[in-house]
PDB file of N, CA and C in Angstrom:
ATOM      1  N   MET A   1      12.095 -23.921  53.653  1.00  0.00           N
ATOM      2  CA  MET A   1      12.756 -24.626  52.526  1.00  0.00           C
ATOM      3  C   MET A   1      13.569 -23.664  51.619  1.00  0.00           C
ATOM      4  N   PHE A   2      12.804 -22.503  51.297  1.00  0.00           N
ATOM      5  CA  PHE A   2      13.366 -21.481  50.393  1.00  0.00           C
ATOM      6  C   PHE A   2      14.663 -20.933  51.039  1.00  0.00           C
ATOM      7  N   ASN A   3      14.536 -20.560  52.310  1.00  0.00           N
ATOM      8  CA  ASN A   3      15.743 -20.011  53.016  1.00  0.00           C
ATOM      9  C   ASN A   3      16.929 -20.898  53.146  1.00  0.00           C
ATOM     10  N   LEU A   4      16.579 -22.250  53.336  1.00  0.00           N
ATOM     11  CA  LEU A   4      17.695 -23.173  53.433  1.00  0.00           C
ATOM     12  C   LEU A   4      18.357 -23.279  52.091  1.00  0.00           C
ATOM     13  N   ALA A   5      17.578 -23.346  50.963  1.00  0.00           N
ATOM     14  CA  ALA A   5      18.111 -23.271  49.665  1.00  0.00           C
ATOM     15  C   ALA A   5      19.060 -22.208  49.423  1.00  0.00           C
ATOM     16  N   LYS A   6      18.543 -21.016  49.871  1.00  0.00           N
ATOM     17  CA  LYS A   6      19.272 -19.751  49.678  1.00  0.00           C
ATOM     18  C   LYS A   6      20.735 -19.866  50.421  1.00  0.00           C
ATOM     19  N   ARG A   7      20.669 -20.436  51.593  1.00  0.00           N
ATOM     20  CA  ARG A   7      21.878 -20.604  52.423  1.00  0.00           C
ATOM     21  C   ARG A   7      22.851 -21.509  51.663  1.00  0.00           C
ATOM     22  N   TYR A   8      22.456 -22.560  51.106  1.00  0.00           N
ATOM     23  CA  TYR A   8      23.332 -23.427  50.440  1.00  0.00           C
ATOM     24  C   TYR A   8      23.815 -22.801  49.134  1.00  0.00           C
ATOM     25  N   TYR A   9      23.000 -22.012  48.492  1.00  0.00           N
ATOM     26  CA  TYR A   9      23.371 -21.372  47.223  1.00  0.00           C
ATOM     27  C   TYR A   9      24.479 -20.295  47.578  1.00  0.00           C
ATOM     28  N   ASN A  10      24.268 -19.594  48.581  1.00  0.00           N
ATOM     29  CA  ASN A  10      25.311 -18.494  48.871  1.00  0.00           C
ATOM     30  C   ASN A  10      26.470 -18.987  49.749  1.00  0.00           C
ATOM     31  N   GLY A  11      26.276 -20.146  50.281  1.00  0.00           N
ATOM     32  CA  GLY A  11      27.315 -20.672  51.224  1.00  0.00           C
ATOM     33  C   GLY A  11      27.385 -19.906  52.609  1.00  0.00           C
ATOM     34  N   GLU A  12      26.199 -19.492  53.047  1.00  0.00           N
ATOM     35  CA  GLU A  12      25.910 -18.780  54.272  1.00  0.00           C
ATOM     36  C   GLU A  12      25.669 -19.778  55.437  1.00  0.00           C
ATOM     37  N   GLY A  13      26.617 -19.824  56.416  1.00  0.00           N
ATOM     38  CA  GLY A  13      26.584 -20.699  57.502  1.00  0.00           C
ATOM     39  C   GLY A  13      26.960 -22.269  57.199  1.00  0.00           C
ATOM     40  N   THR A  14      27.307 -22.506  55.943  1.00  0.00           N
ATOM     41  CA  THR A  14      27.596 -23.717  55.399  1.00  0.00           C
ATOM     42  C   THR A  14      28.392 -23.651  54.180  1.00  0.00           C
ATOM     43  N   GLU A  15      28.996 -24.745  53.715  1.00  0.00           N
ATOM     44  CA  GLU A  15      29.728 -24.670  52.581  1.00  0.00           C
ATOM     45  C   GLU A  15      28.774 -24.663  51.367  1.00  0.00           C
ATOM     46  N   LYS A  16      29.175 -23.767  50.369  1.00  0.00           N
ATOM     47  CA  LYS A  16      28.337 -23.656  49.185  1.00  0.00           C
ATOM     48  C   LYS A  16      28.054 -25.014  48.496  1.00  0.00           C
ATOM     49  N   ASN A  17      26.809 -25.269  48.208  1.00  0.00           N
ATOM     50  CA  ASN A  17      26.531 -26.568  47.571  1.00  0.00           C
ATOM     51  C   ASN A  17      25.364 -26.285  46.615  1.00  0.00           C
ATOM     52  N   LEU A  18      25.589 -26.208  45.403  1.00  0.00           N
ATOM     53  CA  LEU A  18      24.497 -25.923  44.355  1.00  0.00           C
ATOM     54  C   LEU A  18      23.511 -26.993  44.115  1.00  0.00           C
ATOM     55  N   GLU A  19      24.030 -28.278  44.334  1.00  0.00           N
ATOM     56  CA  GLU A  19      23.148 -29.403  44.276  1.00  0.00           C
ATOM     57  C   GLU A  19      22.049 -29.401  45.417  1.00  0.00           C
ATOM     58  N   LYS A  20      22.513 -29.110  46.577  1.00  0.00           N
ATOM     59  CA  LYS A  20      21.521 -29.003  47.683  1.00  0.00           C
ATOM     60  C   LYS A  20      20.659 -27.883  47.546  1.00  0.00           C
ATOM     61  N   ALA A  21      21.233 -26.743  47.112  1.00  0.00           N
ATOM     62  CA  ALA A  21      20.365 -25.578  46.903  1.00  0.00           C
ATOM     63  C   ALA A  21      19.273 -25.837  45.941  1.00  0.00           C
ATOM     64  N   PHE A  22      19.715 -26.525  44.816  1.00  0.00           N
ATOM     65  CA  PHE A  22      18.591 -26.824  43.793  1.00  0.00           C
ATOM     66  C   PHE A  22      17.545 -27.778  44.323  1.00  0.00           C
ATOM     67  N   TYR A  23      18.038 -28.749  45.166  1.00  0.00           N
ATOM     68  CA  TYR A  23      16.994 -29.753  45.750  1.00  0.00           C
ATOM     69  C   TYR A  23      16.050 -28.835  46.711  1.00  0.00           C
ATOM     70  N   TRP A  24      16.504 -28.065  47.470  1.00  0.00           N
ATOM     71  CA  TRP A  24      15.585 -27.254  48.413  1.00  0.00           C
ATOM     72  C   TRP A  24      14.794 -26.262  47.706  1.00  0.00           C
ATOM     73  N   TYR A  25      15.299 -25.625  46.649  1.00  0.00           N
ATOM     74  CA  TYR A  25      14.561 -24.721  45.840  1.00  0.00           C
ATOM     75  C   TYR A  25      13.330 -25.462  45.101  1.00  0.00           C
ATOM     76  N   GLN A  26      13.711 -26.674  44.729  1.00  0.00           N
ATOM     77  CA  GLN A  26      12.696 -27.525  44.044  1.00  0.00           C
ATOM     78  C   GLN A  26      11.520 -27.939  45.076  1.00  0.00           C
ATOM     79  N   LYS A  27      11.939 -28.307  46.213  1.00  0.00           N
ATOM     80  CA  LYS A  27      11.085 -28.734  47.287  1.00  0.00           C
ATOM     81  C   LYS A  27      10.112 -27.530  47.685  1.00  0.00           C
ATOM     82  N   ALA A  28      10.570 -26.367  47.730  1.00  0.00           N
ATOM     83  CA  ALA A  28       9.890 -25.189  48.118  1.00  0.00           C
ATOM     84  C   ALA A  28       8.856 -24.841  46.981  1.00  0.00           C
ATOM     85  N   ALA A  29       9.366 -25.040  45.839  1.00  0.00           N
ATOM     86  CA  ALA A  29       8.398 -24.719  44.592  1.00  0.00           C
ATOM     87  C   ALA A  29       7.335 -25.718  44.581  1.00  0.00           C
ATOM     88  N   GLU A  30       7.572 -26.996  44.816  1.00  0.00           N
ATOM     89  CA  GLU A  30       6.614 -28.033  44.803  1.00  0.00           C
ATOM     90  C   GLU A  30       5.569 -27.917  45.966  1.00  0.00           C
ATOM     91  N   ASN A  31       5.937 -27.300  47.078  1.00  0.00           N
ATOM     92  CA  ASN A  31       5.058 -27.070  48.113  1.00  0.00           C
ATOM     93  C   ASN A  31       4.394 -25.716  48.120  1.00  0.00           C
ATOM     94  N   GLY A  32       4.407 -25.044  46.955  1.00  0.00           N
ATOM     95  CA  GLY A  32       3.663 -23.804  46.852  1.00  0.00           C
ATOM     96  C   GLY A  32       4.445 -22.588  47.247  1.00  0.00           C
ATOM     97  N   GLY A  33       5.641 -22.571  47.439  1.00  0.00           N
ATOM     98  CA  GLY A  33       6.456 -21.475  47.973  1.00  0.00           C
ATOM     99  C   GLY A  33       7.452 -21.726  48.878  1.00  0.00           C
ATOM    100  N   GLU A  34       7.442 -21.092  50.027  1.00  0.00           N
ATOM    101  CA  GLU A  34       8.543 -21.298  51.018  1.00  0.00           C
ATOM    102  C   GLU A  34       8.271 -22.426  52.034  1.00  0.00           C
ATOM    103  N   GLY A  35       7.302 -23.355  51.710  1.00  0.00           N
ATOM    104  CA  GLY A  35       7.084 -24.427  52.578  1.00  0.00           C
ATOM    105  C   GLY A  35       6.003 -24.264  53.614  1.00  0.00           C
ATOM    106  N   THR A  36       5.199 -23.213  53.486  1.00  0.00           N
ATOM    107  CA  THR A  36       4.203 -22.903  54.491  1.00  0.00           C
ATOM    108  C   THR A  36       2.993 -22.280  53.870  1.00  0.00           C
ATOM    109  N   GLU A  37       1.881 -22.567  54.474  1.00  0.00           N
ATOM    110  CA  GLU A  37       0.631 -21.840  53.987  1.00  0.00           C
ATOM    111  C   GLU A  37       0.552 -20.340  54.506  1.00  0.00           C
ATOM    112  N   LYS A  38       0.132 -19.505  53.599  1.00  0.00           N
ATOM    113  CA  LYS A  38       0.012 -18.092  53.980  1.00  0.00           C
ATOM    114  C   LYS A  38      -1.123 -17.974  54.930  1.00  0.00           C
ATOM    115  N   ASN A  39      -0.775 -17.281  56.151  1.00  0.00           N
ATOM    116  CA  ASN A  39      -1.741 -17.046  57.231  1.00  0.00           C
ATOM    117  C   ASN A  39      -1.531 -15.576  57.696  1.00  0.00           C
ATOM    118  N   LEU A  40      -2.345 -14.610  57.187  1.00  0.00           N
ATOM    119  CA  LEU A  40      -2.128 -13.224  57.616  1.00  0.00           C
ATOM    120  C   LEU A  40      -2.379 -12.898  59.008  1.00  0.00           C
ATOM    121  N   GLU A  41      -3.429 -13.642  59.643  1.00  0.00           N
ATOM    122  CA  GLU A  41      -3.639 -13.445  61.014  1.00  0.00           C
ATOM    123  C   GLU A  41      -2.524 -13.842  61.910  1.00  0.00           C
ATOM    124  N   LYS A  42      -1.990 -15.000  61.643  1.00  0.00           N
ATOM    125  CA  LYS A  42      -0.790 -15.540  62.331  1.00  0.00           C
ATOM    126  C   LYS A  42       0.367 -14.535  62.177  1.00  0.00           C
ATOM    127  N   ALA A  43       0.576 -14.125  60.969  1.00  0.00           N
ATOM    128  CA  ALA A  43       1.766 -13.114  60.717  1.00  0.00           C
ATOM    129  C   ALA A  43       1.546 -11.931  61.515  1.00  0.00           C
ATOM    130  N   PHE A  44       0.364 -11.319  61.525  1.00  0.00           N
ATOM    131  CA  PHE A  44       0.109 -10.122  62.189  1.00  0.00           C
ATOM    132  C   PHE A  44       0.360 -10.385  63.724  1.00  0.00           C
ATOM    133  N   ASN A  45       0.094 -11.613  64.256  1.00  0.00           N
ATOM    134  CA  ASN A  45       0.279 -11.814  65.703  1.00  0.00           C
ATOM    135  C   ASN A  45       1.654 -11.849  66.032  1.00  0.00           C
ATOM    136  N   TRP A  46       2.524 -12.455  65.205  1.00  0.00           N
ATOM    137  CA  TRP A  46       3.916 -12.563  65.316  1.00  0.00           C
ATOM    138  C   TRP A  46       4.605 -11.158  65.233  1.00  0.00           C
ATOM    139  N   TYR A  47       4.250 -10.386  64.216  1.00  0.00           N
ATOM    140  CA  TYR A  47       4.751  -9.020  64.081  1.00  0.00           C
ATOM    141  C   TYR A  47       4.384  -8.214  65.342  1.00  0.00           C
ATOM    142  N   GLN A  48       3.112  -8.439  65.917  1.00  0.00           N
ATOM    143  CA  GLN A  48       2.787  -7.697  67.128  1.00  0.00           C
ATOM    144  C   GLN A  48       3.665  -8.026  68.290  1.00  0.00           C
ATOM    145  N   LYS A  49       3.926  -9.379  68.479  1.00  0.00           N
ATOM    146  CA  LYS A  49       4.770  -9.800  69.603  1.00  0.00           C
ATOM    147  C   LYS A  49       6.221  -9.108  69.491  1.00  0.00           C
ATOM    148  N   ALA A  50       6.682  -9.251  68.272  1.00  0.00           N
ATOM    149  CA  ALA A  50       8.156  -8.841  67.948  1.00  0.00           C
ATOM    150  C   ALA A  50       8.176  -7.318  68.174  1.00  0.00           C
ATOM    151  N   ALA A  51       7.135  -6.539  67.670  1.00  0.00           N
ATOM    152  CA  ALA A  51       7.240  -5.165  67.848  1.00  0.00           C
ATOM    153  C   ALA A  51       7.145  -4.731  69.307  1.00  0.00           C
ATOM    154  N   GLU A  52       6.351  -5.339  70.057  1.00  0.00           N
ATOM    155  CA  GLU A  52       6.138  -5.045  71.510  1.00  0.00           C
ATOM    156  C   GLU A  52       7.468  -5.337  72.246  1.00  0.00           C
ATOM    157  N   ASN A  53       8.351  -6.284  71.668  1.00  0.00           N
ATOM    158  CA  ASN A  53       9.607  -6.524  72.244  1.00  0.00           C
ATOM    159  C   ASN A  53      10.748  -5.669  71.667  1.00  0.00           C
ATOM    160  N   GLY A  54      10.387  -4.611  70.919  1.00  0.00           N
ATOM    161  CA  GLY A  54      11.338  -3.696  70.410  1.00  0.00           C
ATOM    162  C   GLY A  54      12.007  -3.877  69.168  1.00  0.00           C
ATOM    163  N   PHE A  55      11.569  -4.674  68.409  1.00  0.00           N
ATOM    164  CA  PHE A  55      12.080  -5.018  67.130  1.00  0.00           C
ATOM    165  C   PHE A  55      11.567  -4.028  66.031  1.00  0.00           C
ATOM    166  N   THR A  56      12.496  -3.113  65.563  1.00  0.00           N
ATOM    167  CA  THR A  56      12.071  -2.120  64.666  1.00  0.00           C
ATOM    168  C   THR A  56      11.391  -2.498  63.342  1.00  0.00           C
ATOM    169  N   LYS A  57      12.018  -3.522  62.733  1.00  0.00           N
ATOM    170  CA  LYS A  57      11.428  -4.067  61.487  1.00  0.00           C
ATOM    171  C   LYS A  57      10.007  -4.629  61.580  1.00  0.00           C
ATOM    172  N   ALA A  58       9.766  -5.247  62.832  1.00  0.00           N
ATOM    173  CA  ALA A  58       8.488  -5.765  63.116  1.00  0.00           C
ATOM    174  C   ALA A  58       7.487  -4.546  63.379  1.00  0.00           C
ATOM    175  N   MET A  59       8.028  -3.516  63.988  1.00  0.00           N
ATOM    176  CA  MET A  59       7.031  -2.313  64.211  1.00  0.00           C
ATOM    177  C   MET A  59       6.626  -1.713  62.848  1.00  0.00           C
ATOM    178  N   HIS A  60       7.443  -1.632  61.881  1.00  0.00           N
ATOM    179  CA  HIS A  60       7.204  -1.167  60.648  1.00  0.00           C
ATOM    180  C   HIS A  60       6.133  -2.201  59.886  1.00  0.00           C
ATOM    181  N   ASN A  61       6.368  -3.450  59.991  1.00  0.00           N
ATOM    182  CA  ASN A  61       5.530  -4.423  59.372  1.00  0.00           C
ATOM    183  C   ASN A  61       4.201  -4.419  60.004  1.00  0.00           C
ATOM    184  N   LEU A  62       4.046  -4.301  61.358  1.00  0.00           N
ATOM    185  CA  LEU A  62       2.844  -4.088  62.067  1.00  0.00           C
ATOM    186  C   LEU A  62       1.996  -2.940  61.629  1.00  0.00           C
ATOM    187  N   ALA A  63       2.767  -1.745  61.475  1.00  0.00           N
ATOM    188  CA  ALA A  63       2.101  -0.531  61.098  1.00  0.00           C
ATOM    189  C   ALA A  63       1.592  -0.781  59.643  1.00  0.00           C
ATOM    190  N   SER A  64       2.267  -1.415  58.788  1.00  0.00           N
ATOM    191  CA  SER A  64       1.795  -1.643  57.488  1.00  0.00           C
ATOM    192  C   SER A  64       0.612  -2.512  57.431  1.00  0.00           C
ATOM    193  N   ARG A  65       0.538  -3.555  58.415  1.00  0.00           N
ATOM    194  CA  ARG A  65      -0.695  -4.355  58.470  1.00  0.00           C
ATOM    195  C   ARG A  65      -1.872  -3.601  58.965  1.00  0.00           C
ATOM    196  N   TYR A  66      -1.623  -2.678  59.971  1.00  0.00           N
ATOM    197  CA  TYR A  66      -2.746  -1.859  60.536  1.00  0.00           C
ATOM    198  C   TYR A  66      -3.196  -0.963  59.284  1.00  0.00           C
ATOM    199  N   TYR A  67      -2.270  -0.462  58.576  1.00  0.00           N
ATOM    200  CA  TYR A  67      -2.605   0.543  57.514  1.00  0.00           C
ATOM    201  C   TYR A  67      -3.482  -0.189  56.286  1.00  0.00           C
ATOM    202  N   SER A  68      -3.013  -1.390  55.965  1.00  0.00           N
ATOM    203  CA  SER A  68      -3.724  -2.147  54.830  1.00  0.00           C
ATOM    204  C   SER A  68      -4.903  -2.945  55.307  1.00  0.00           C
ATOM    205  N   GLY A  69      -4.888  -3.273  56.696  1.00  0.00           N
ATOM    206  CA  GLY A  69      -6.028  -4.142  57.151  1.00  0.00           C
ATOM    207  C   GLY A  69      -5.689  -5.751  56.713  1.00  0.00           C
ATOM    208  N   GLU A  70      -4.556  -6.023  56.400  1.00  0.00           N
ATOM    209  CA  GLU A  70      -4.205  -7.389  56.175  1.00  0.00           C
ATOM    210  C   GLU A  70      -3.901  -8.145  57.586  1.00  0.00           C
ATOM    211  N   GLY A  71      -4.675  -9.149  57.806  1.00  0.00           N
ATOM    212  CA  GLY A  71      -4.515  -9.926  58.980  1.00  0.00           C
ATOM    213  C   GLY A  71      -5.086  -9.337  60.308  1.00  0.00           C
ATOM    214  N   THR A  72      -5.701  -8.136  60.097  1.00  0.00           N
ATOM    215  CA  THR A  72      -6.323  -7.425  61.260  1.00  0.00           C
ATOM    216  C   THR A  72      -7.444  -6.476  60.699  1.00  0.00           C
ATOM    217  N   GLU A  73      -8.022  -5.849  61.536  1.00  0.00           N
ATOM    218  CA  GLU A  73      -8.900  -4.730  61.106  1.00  0.00           C
ATOM    219  C   GLU A  73      -8.076  -3.460  60.816  1.00  0.00           C
ATOM    220  N   LYS A  74      -8.413  -2.831  59.765  1.00  0.00           N
ATOM    221  CA  LYS A  74      -7.689  -1.644  59.436  1.00  0.00           C
ATOM    222  C   LYS A  74      -7.882  -0.565  60.532  1.00  0.00           C
ATOM    223  N   ASN A  75      -6.694   0.050  60.903  1.00  0.00           N
ATOM    224  CA  ASN A  75      -6.771   1.004  62.056  1.00  0.00           C
ATOM    225  C   ASN A  75      -5.568   2.037  61.791  1.00  0.00           C
ATOM    226  N   LEU A  76      -5.957   3.209  61.244  1.00  0.00           N
ATOM    227  CA  LEU A  76      -4.971   4.146  60.883  1.00  0.00           C
ATOM    228  C   LEU A  76      -4.233   4.839  61.970  1.00  0.00           C
ATOM    229  N   GLU A  77      -4.982   4.899  63.153  1.00  0.00           N
ATOM    230  CA  GLU A  77      -4.347   5.445  64.346  1.00  0.00           C
ATOM    231  C   GLU A  77      -3.295   4.480  64.917  1.00  0.00           C
ATOM    232  N   LYS A  78      -3.532   3.255  64.943  1.00  0.00           N
ATOM    233  CA  LYS A  78      -2.518   2.260  65.383  1.00  0.00           C
ATOM    234  C   LYS A  78      -1.370   2.270  64.280  1.00  0.00           C
ATOM    235  N   ALA A  79      -1.687   2.327  63.039  1.00  0.00           N
ATOM    236  CA  ALA A  79      -0.604   2.335  62.004  1.00  0.00           C
ATOM    237  C   ALA A  79       0.320   3.568  62.247  1.00  0.00           C
ATOM    238  N   PHE A  80      -0.301   4.743  62.510  1.00  0.00           N
ATOM    239  CA  PHE A  80       0.523   5.826  62.714  1.00  0.00           C
ATOM    240  C   PHE A  80       1.403   5.637  63.934  1.00  0.00           C
ATOM    241  N   TYR A  81       0.895   5.174  65.001  1.00  0.00           N
ATOM    242  CA  TYR A  81       1.549   4.897  66.309  1.00  0.00           C
ATOM    243  C   TYR A  81       2.761   4.001  65.990  1.00  0.00           C
ATOM    244  N   TRP A  82       2.561   2.840  65.198  1.00  0.00           N
ATOM    245  CA  TRP A  82       3.763   2.015  65.146  1.00  0.00           C
ATOM    246  C   TRP A  82       4.700   2.498  64.081  1.00  0.00           C
ATOM    247  N   TYR A  83       4.260   3.267  63.131  1.00  0.00           N
ATOM    248  CA  TYR A  83       5.333   3.928  62.222  1.00  0.00           C
ATOM    249  C   TYR A  83       6.098   4.832  62.977  1.00  0.00           C
ATOM    250  N   GLN A  84       5.477   5.631  63.873  1.00  0.00           N
ATOM    251  CA  GLN A  84       6.272   6.553  64.782  1.00  0.00           C
ATOM    252  C   GLN A  84       7.184   5.864  65.594  1.00  0.00           C
ATOM    253  N   LYS A  85       6.756   4.847  66.291  1.00  0.00           N
ATOM    254  CA  LYS A  85       7.665   3.981  67.080  1.00  0.00           C
ATOM    255  C   LYS A  85       8.820   3.463  66.447  1.00  0.00           C
ATOM    256  N   ALA A  86       8.553   2.998  65.152  1.00  0.00           N
ATOM    257  CA  ALA A  86       9.617   2.473  64.208  1.00  0.00           C
ATOM    258  C   ALA A  86      10.717   3.588  63.926  1.00  0.00           C
ATOM    259  N   ALA A  87      10.250   4.715  63.863  1.00  0.00           N
ATOM    260  CA  ALA A  87      11.128   5.763  63.364  1.00  0.00           C
ATOM    261  C   ALA A  87      11.984   6.360  64.548  1.00  0.00           C
ATOM    262  N   GLU A  88      11.550   6.118  65.744  1.00  0.00           N
ATOM    263  CA  GLU A  88      12.361   6.738  66.959  1.00  0.00           C
ATOM    264  C   GLU A  88      13.654   6.073  67.120  1.00  0.00           C
TER     265      GLU A  88
END
């Protein structure tokens, strides 16, 4: 919802429409954020899949999760590995 509002606000991929932007920003706020419940484990799994498919940003995010232990068990060796892969 939040991203849709942002597209309407900036006119990205559609004609700029501030009324529709406001509507979707409001809906996102009413639903506690961007329209979804926070799930760190699920986010970790998606980062892992994307990283394994070569997406650099996902590699960095996966490394950060291993470093912090968010959504998975903290593992500094795996964090280092994915930070290094992202830098290559």
